[in-house]
Amino acid sequence: MYKPPLAKVLIGLAIVTALITIQYCDVIPVHIKFQLRRFATGTNATQCRFTLFRSLLDCIPGRTVTVSDVDIINVTQTVLRSPMSTISRNILERYAEYRSIQRLDDFKQLHDSRFSVVELEGNQDNFTAGAVIKVRISLFNGYNQPITRGEDLLNIWLRNDAGTSSVAGYVVDHMNGTYTGHVMAFWAGNVTIKVTVTNTKEGIGLYTNYVHEHGSYKFVNATFSEKRRLEMTQCAPKPSKWLEKTYGGLCNLTKENYNISLFCGKPKYASCSKWVKYGWDDTLYYGKDTKKILQYKDVLLKKIKLTIYPSLKGDIDYPVPKTACKFLPPYSTWNSTVPSGFLYKGVYTNLLCRSTVTTSRGEYRACLKHRPLISIGDSTTRQWFLHLVDILAIRKSSRIPSHAAFHKFAIAENKTLGLHLEWQPHELPFYGSPGSNRREIKSVAYRIDQIPENSSAIVVIHWYAHIARCCDHMTFREHVRKAKEAVLRLLMRSQEVQVFIKGPHLITYPNALKPYAYIGMFVEQILLEEFYNLTYRVIYLDQWDMSVAMENVDIHPNKLLDEISLNNLINLACNNI
């Protein structure tokens, strides 16, 4: 029998060892690594699993992670939301295509709901509870001509007439103007399937080009004070020729913004070092045609009314999760299915794990006793903070934010019961009230670094609404990377701490002239790309599909959606009850 020379064997082992080290010790750059992984489309998608990568913490002595059942998936098509995952993973591959759309001369080139076709696929006409319903969608423009390329973003969901039962689905883009919607009917009764074009590719294109040209979509204002004279200029998260030309120069305030990029117009009568306050600026520099295109979003294409019949299991039929949420591996939250849950007669069912904690004051108090809950983010996390204050009935506390001080650090506590809640705003760009003291705003990384050693805190981190006002994916990535470094330091010094990343939600407010679905998708993708090697330790709170199913309108989700999202957090965090 042939025996290879020892030198060849050693070389082969060295190559294998190098490949393993590259894979598992986080040497491959994130953007390259994600180009190597795609997600299946069509009927084979449900058979695929997301490849789990070990953390760089595996390279630290004393830390091991067991990852089983790892599949490598080779797929040639692009899909935004896989049936096996709620989080978008490759919307950024379309960035160059969106940027190529710099203007639109004829509004009738957009899709037109009067001519677009939405119909059940095949000969489907008799559905029972638990069935998957497929919908074929063909977009036509205002000239009743078929649209021959993809990249519009669509939503599909199913609900009863009262809105007390609803569930979101997902849409596969075939990149030729046709799409296939998938939605599951978990209950019997009369229902309606709804399909919308939530963002047009033209609107996304104009938005991305505007941000590229100006450095920001909407600006933050900086106030400079010198010799009793106040001067205000506009600021953006990255420099732009437009901003520099407008002010005749720029102030680089990155160092003052916790080393996160911030550039402001140079004041005429003050030095850049005299920055004292910040605020919002709602000025937009585009014409009515661009505004009209940005307003053309969340357009309902069609409603399909159906009767769902009981299955052999009865009026409701769904895959009952066996694992209690408190035992769910964190990486599962980054790879949950669509849908991750549904609403039935006003009650939410989590499909990812089994809920064991109800929305009860006693159970919430037991969960959070001697476990500080620290929320870092925007007004939607402040909304959670205030909602928890009510549930826990914390009557006497200090620094709970009022309307006049909505951007300020807040604490609510009951020392007798061992309850402590905090809300803290994230770094600039943060659109606080005009004239706010800039020193009240600190970075997510700074906030996390203040959490002491051996803490058992529950930490919730969120970016979205303020990112939508300013940033493209490149500037947002900088925010996430700085925070991730601090999260890693926190996990090293506090073994019992739990870190949650709160995901974005759908916003359909008519006057919100931003492509929120696109923004939400690039936020999701960057969060996953940057935290991919901590997904076994950091928990993702997905609320996108429920915000679609519940037809959320405002930037501040309705009370029921907040209750559902908060209860998901508590169920995942509470391993002590």
Foldseek 3Di string as FASTA:
>chain_A
DDDDDPVVVVVVVVVVVVVLCCQALVVDALVVVLVQAAADDDPCRVVDDAAAHAFNCCVPPPDDDDDPDGDGDDDDDHWQATQQFPAGAPLVVCVVVLQVQADDDDQQQFFDLVQKDKAWPDPDAAAAAFDKTKIKIWTAGNVSHTQFFWDQAKWKKKAAPVLQWIFTWHWGIPGTRMIMTIYGHFFFFKMKMWMWRAAGSNLSSNQSNQCQAQQWQWWKKWWFDDPNDIDIWTKAQDDHPVQCVVQVHWDFCCVVQVNATMITRADDPGHSVRTWWMATGPDGPDDPNSLVNLLPGRGINDMDIGGHHHDPVGRGDDDAADAFLQPDQLLLQRRHGRVQWIGDSNDIDGPSHHFDADLALVSLLLQQALAEEEEEAAVLVLVLVVVVCVSVVQPDAPANDDPQRSQAKRWTDDVVSRYIYIYHYATPVPHDHGGHGNVRHHHLLVVLLPDDFQHLYEYEYEYAPSCQRTHDLVSVLSSLLSNVVSVVVRCVRHVNYAAEYEAAEDAAASSPSTSRVSRSNSVSNSNCSNCSNVSSGHHYQDLHRVNVGSVAHHRRGDPSSSSVSVSSSSSNRGPPD
